[in-house]
Every structure is written in structure tokens, then in C-alpha cells.
Amino acid sequence: MNKKKVHRYTVGKEDFPNFFGEDIHEVCSTYVLCREAEKLGRLYILAFLDKENEGIGTFVELKHIGPAFYKEEIIFKGEIIDGEMDNFVVAFEAKVGQRLIAKGRTGQKLVKKKKLLDHFKKIKNQKLN
């Protein structure tokens, strides 16, 4: 497995933070950075997905360091730093050019689809009772 991967994302207006219907400022929000960091992690597990297996995110830790503005391209670069092919941790940095936007870690795990769906069903049924 290639230990280094790259994911690119261009900031859109829908990526600006908005809380309770109020726009906060015109930069990429922290929650969008977290989502895109998790997409970077998913790139590593795609090769192992099939009819029986699915990947799940296990965590995202992100430190938002600087702004990414509308239409700027954020380049997420990651590298596996811990784990096996079915459960691993990726360290990443997100930059616009040389400007550091965020850094952190994200986890991915390969699980059996049936086991995952059974687990979700069990939890959903507990909620309904």
C-alpha cells in the first residue's frame, strides 16, 4: 500500500461557516476541513473495499491554523504513521501553496459490511425501544 496520498479541494461559497443561519466569515470552515481530511483517509482504504468489506472513519483530529479563501485550492497530503492495512492512522497537512491551513490525524478501519449493518440495526432498534 502506498503510504503517501494527496487529496485536492477547492473552496466554494458553501464551505464558509454558517451558524444558526448567519454567515460568519468568507473562509473555509473547520468542519469542511475535517470532512476533506476524512476523504484523504478514505483514499487509503479504497483498494480493499468489495462486496464484503466497507471502510469506516474512526476519528479526525484537526488543528485549524490559517484561512483558505474562496476558490483557493487546498492540498491535503497524508502519510500512514501507524497501524495495519485494515486499521490505520494517517497524519496530514493541508496547504494553500506554502501556507499551512491545517494539520492533524485521521483513522480508517476496514470492517465486514454485514457486521457493520447488523451493528447499526441493533443500535437503531435499541433507540426505538
C-alpha atoms as a PDB file:
ATOM      1  CA  MET A   1       0.000   0.000   0.000  1.00  0.00           C
ATOM      2  CA  ASN A   2       1.237   3.468  -0.899  1.00  0.00           C
ATOM      3  CA  LYS A   3       1.847   5.253   2.395  1.00  0.00           C
ATOM      4  CA  LYS A   4       1.556   8.760   0.886  1.00  0.00           C
ATOM      5  CA  LYS A   5      -1.583  10.169  -0.729  1.00  0.00           C
ATOM      6  CA  VAL A   6      -2.838  13.581  -1.911  1.00  0.00           C
ATOM      7  CA  HIS A   7      -6.364  14.992  -1.977  1.00  0.00           C
ATOM      8  CA  ARG A   8      -7.233  18.372  -3.518  1.00  0.00           C
ATOM      9  CA  TYR A   9     -10.222  20.522  -2.647  1.00  0.00           C
ATOM     10  CA  THR A  10     -11.285  23.948  -3.951  1.00  0.00           C
ATOM     11  CA  VAL A  11     -13.109  26.211  -1.502  1.00  0.00           C
ATOM     12  CA  GLY A  12     -16.646  27.155  -2.519  1.00  0.00           C
ATOM     13  CA  LYS A  13     -19.108  29.620  -1.009  1.00  0.00           C
ATOM     14  CA  GLU A  14     -20.976  26.699   0.583  1.00  0.00           C
ATOM     15  CA  ASP A  15     -17.815  25.956   2.611  1.00  0.00           C
ATOM     16  CA  PHE A  16     -17.972  29.174   4.631  1.00  0.00           C
ATOM     17  CA  PRO A  17     -19.008  28.731   8.268  1.00  0.00           C
ATOM     18  CA  ASN A  18     -22.651  29.418   8.930  1.00  0.00           C
ATOM     19  CA  PHE A  19     -24.143  29.009  12.378  1.00  0.00           C
ATOM     20  CA  PHE A  20     -27.854  29.364  13.102  1.00  0.00           C
ATOM     21  CA  GLY A  21     -28.426  30.865   9.650  1.00  0.00           C
ATOM     22  CA  GLU A  22     -25.744  33.516   9.996  1.00  0.00           C
ATOM     23  CA  ASP A  23     -22.628  33.610   7.801  1.00  0.00           C
ATOM     24  CA  ILE A  24     -19.574  34.082   9.987  1.00  0.00           C
ATOM     25  CA  HIS A  25     -16.761  34.860   7.510  1.00  0.00           C
ATOM     26  CA  GLU A  26     -15.724  34.017   3.958  1.00  0.00           C
ATOM     27  CA  VAL A  27     -13.096  31.356   4.573  1.00  0.00           C
ATOM     28  CA  CYS A  28     -13.207  27.573   4.581  1.00  0.00           C
ATOM     29  CA  SER A  29     -14.805  26.286   7.773  1.00  0.00           C
ATOM     30  CA  THR A  30     -13.172  23.896  10.198  1.00  0.00           C
ATOM     31  CA  TYR A  31     -15.892  21.325   9.682  1.00  0.00           C
ATOM     32  CA  VAL A  32     -15.272  21.272   5.910  1.00  0.00           C
ATOM     33  CA  LEU A  33     -11.556  20.770   6.570  1.00  0.00           C
ATOM     34  CA  CYS A  34     -12.438  17.796   8.799  1.00  0.00           C
ATOM     35  CA  ARG A  35     -14.646  16.291   6.090  1.00  0.00           C
ATOM     36  CA  GLU A  36     -11.957  16.674   3.451  1.00  0.00           C
ATOM     37  CA  ALA A  37      -9.312  15.226   5.793  1.00  0.00           C
ATOM     38  CA  GLU A  38     -11.509  12.168   6.234  1.00  0.00           C
ATOM     39  CA  LYS A  39     -11.774  11.867   2.444  1.00  0.00           C
ATOM     40  CA  LEU A  40      -7.974  11.785   2.328  1.00  0.00           C
ATOM     41  CA  GLY A  41      -8.038   8.907   4.812  1.00  0.00           C
ATOM     42  CA  ARG A  42     -10.605   7.070   2.715  1.00  0.00           C
ATOM     43  CA  LEU A  43      -8.264   7.109  -0.287  1.00  0.00           C
ATOM     44  CA  TYR A  44      -6.097   4.585   1.538  1.00  0.00           C
ATOM     45  CA  ILE A  45      -8.847   2.051   2.117  1.00  0.00           C
ATOM     46  CA  LEU A  46     -10.496   2.162  -1.318  1.00  0.00           C
ATOM     47  CA  ALA A  47      -8.299  -0.636  -2.665  1.00  0.00           C
ATOM     48  CA  PHE A  48      -9.668  -3.018  -0.013  1.00  0.00           C
ATOM     49  CA  LEU A  49     -13.369  -2.356  -0.500  1.00  0.00           C
ATOM     50  CA  ASP A  50     -15.501  -5.054  -2.111  1.00  0.00           C
ATOM     51  CA  LYS A  51     -18.906  -6.728  -1.736  1.00  0.00           C
ATOM     52  CA  GLU A  52     -17.991  -7.973   1.746  1.00  0.00           C
ATOM     53  CA  ASN A  53     -15.931  -5.100   3.166  1.00  0.00           C
ATOM     54  CA  GLU A  54     -16.518  -1.426   3.895  1.00  0.00           C
ATOM     55  CA  GLY A  55     -14.338   1.314   5.320  1.00  0.00           C
ATOM     56  CA  ILE A  56     -15.316   3.481   8.251  1.00  0.00           C
ATOM     57  CA  GLY A  57     -13.730   6.577   9.677  1.00  0.00           C
ATOM     58  CA  THR A  58     -12.679   6.129  13.293  1.00  0.00           C
ATOM     59  CA  PHE A  59     -11.597   9.675  14.193  1.00  0.00           C
ATOM     60  CA  VAL A  60     -10.436  13.062  12.935  1.00  0.00           C
ATOM     61  CA  GLU A  61      -8.104  15.337  14.899  1.00  0.00           C
ATOM     62  CA  LEU A  62      -7.552  18.668  13.197  1.00  0.00           C
ATOM     63  CA  LYS A  63      -5.840  21.872  14.182  1.00  0.00           C
ATOM     64  CA  HIS A  64      -7.135  24.741  12.036  1.00  0.00           C
ATOM     65  CA  ILE A  65      -4.140  27.054  11.628  1.00  0.00           C
ATOM     66  CA  GLY A  66      -4.904  29.526   8.854  1.00  0.00           C
ATOM     67  CA  PRO A  67      -7.540  30.645   6.362  1.00  0.00           C
ATOM     68  CA  ALA A  68      -8.329  29.207   2.965  1.00  0.00           C
ATOM     69  CA  PHE A  69     -10.265  31.694   0.860  1.00  0.00           C
ATOM     70  CA  TYR A  70     -12.943  31.303  -1.812  1.00  0.00           C
ATOM     71  CA  LYS A  71     -11.708  29.468  -4.931  1.00  0.00           C
ATOM     72  CA  GLU A  72      -8.349  28.597  -3.355  1.00  0.00           C
ATOM     73  CA  GLU A  73      -7.202  25.007  -3.783  1.00  0.00           C
ATOM     74  CA  ILE A  74      -6.310  23.204  -0.571  1.00  0.00           C
ATOM     75  CA  ILE A  75      -3.895  20.330  -0.994  1.00  0.00           C
ATOM     76  CA  PHE A  76      -4.115  17.645   1.672  1.00  0.00           C
ATOM     77  CA  LYS A  77      -1.022  15.445   1.900  1.00  0.00           C
ATOM     78  CA  GLY A  78      -1.118  12.398   4.106  1.00  0.00           C
ATOM     79  CA  GLU A  79       1.039   9.536   5.205  1.00  0.00           C
ATOM     80  CA  ILE A  80       0.231   6.394   7.181  1.00  0.00           C
ATOM     81  CA  ILE A  81       2.002   6.672  10.518  1.00  0.00           C
ATOM     82  CA  ASP A  82       0.529   3.753  12.459  1.00  0.00           C
ATOM     83  CA  GLY A  83      -1.463   0.572  12.035  1.00  0.00           C
ATOM     84  CA  GLU A  84      -2.131  -2.258   9.649  1.00  0.00           C
ATOM     85  CA  MET A  85      -3.912  -2.356   6.284  1.00  0.00           C
ATOM     86  CA  ASP A  86      -7.295  -2.861   7.987  1.00  0.00           C
ATOM     87  CA  ASN A  87      -6.944  -0.267  10.768  1.00  0.00           C
ATOM     88  CA  PHE A  88      -4.581   2.661  10.399  1.00  0.00           C
ATOM     89  CA  VAL A  89      -3.797   6.286  11.217  1.00  0.00           C
ATOM     90  CA  VAL A  90      -2.903   8.939   8.646  1.00  0.00           C
ATOM     91  CA  ALA A  91      -1.057  12.144   9.579  1.00  0.00           C
ATOM     92  CA  PHE A  92      -1.817  15.023   7.235  1.00  0.00           C
ATOM     93  CA  GLU A  93      -1.119  18.638   6.402  1.00  0.00           C
ATOM     94  CA  ALA A  94      -3.412  20.878   4.363  1.00  0.00           C
ATOM     95  CA  LYS A  95      -1.849  23.785   2.485  1.00  0.00           C
ATOM     96  CA  VAL A  96      -2.709  26.506   0.007  1.00  0.00           C
ATOM     97  CA  GLY A  97       0.592  26.938  -1.779  1.00  0.00           C
ATOM     98  CA  GLN A  98       3.152  27.165   1.021  1.00  0.00           C
ATOM     99  CA  ARG A  99       0.600  28.468   3.536  1.00  0.00           C
ATOM    100  CA  LEU A 100      -0.314  25.885   6.186  1.00  0.00           C
ATOM    101  CA  ILE A 101      -4.087  25.747   6.676  1.00  0.00           C
ATOM    102  CA  ALA A 102      -4.465  22.709   8.942  1.00  0.00           C
ATOM    103  CA  LYS A 103      -2.733  19.606  10.223  1.00  0.00           C
ATOM    104  CA  GLY A 104      -3.809  16.562  12.123  1.00  0.00           C
ATOM    105  CA  ARG A 105      -4.588  12.875  12.010  1.00  0.00           C
ATOM    106  CA  THR A 106      -7.433  10.684  10.828  1.00  0.00           C
ATOM    107  CA  GLY A 107      -8.213   6.992  11.220  1.00  0.00           C
ATOM    108  CA  GLN A 108      -9.792   4.402   8.954  1.00  0.00           C
ATOM    109  CA  LYS A 109     -10.834   0.820   9.592  1.00  0.00           C
ATOM    110  CA  LEU A 110     -11.881  -1.996   7.269  1.00  0.00           C
ATOM    111  CA  VAL A 111     -14.916  -3.916   8.523  1.00  0.00           C
ATOM    112  CA  LYS A 112     -17.240  -6.618   7.233  1.00  0.00           C
ATOM    113  CA  LYS A 113     -20.334  -4.953   5.718  1.00  0.00           C
ATOM    114  CA  LYS A 114     -22.703  -7.490   7.262  1.00  0.00           C
ATOM    115  CA  LYS A 115     -21.234  -6.992  10.724  1.00  0.00           C
ATOM    116  CA  LEU A 116     -21.438  -3.208  10.344  1.00  0.00           C
ATOM    117  CA  LEU A 117     -25.054  -3.251   9.124  1.00  0.00           C
ATOM    118  CA  ASP A 118     -26.045  -5.674  11.910  1.00  0.00           C
ATOM    119  CA  HIS A 119     -24.407  -3.348  14.439  1.00  0.00           C
ATOM    120  CA  PHE A 120     -26.272  -0.310  13.056  1.00  0.00           C
ATOM    121  CA  LYS A 121     -29.562  -2.246  13.066  1.00  0.00           C
ATOM    122  CA  LYS A 122     -29.031  -3.317  16.683  1.00  0.00           C
ATOM    123  CA  ILE A 123     -28.375   0.260  17.808  1.00  0.00           C
ATOM    124  CA  LYS A 124     -31.317   1.621  15.826  1.00  0.00           C
ATOM    125  CA  ASN A 125     -33.631  -0.996  17.363  1.00  0.00           C
ATOM    126  CA  GLN A 126     -32.401  -0.102  20.879  1.00  0.00           C
ATOM    127  CA  LYS A 127     -33.235   3.538  20.182  1.00  0.00           C
ATOM    128  CA  LEU A 128     -36.779   2.655  19.141  1.00  0.00           C
ATOM    129  CA  ASN A 129     -37.481   0.580  22.260  1.00  0.00           C
END
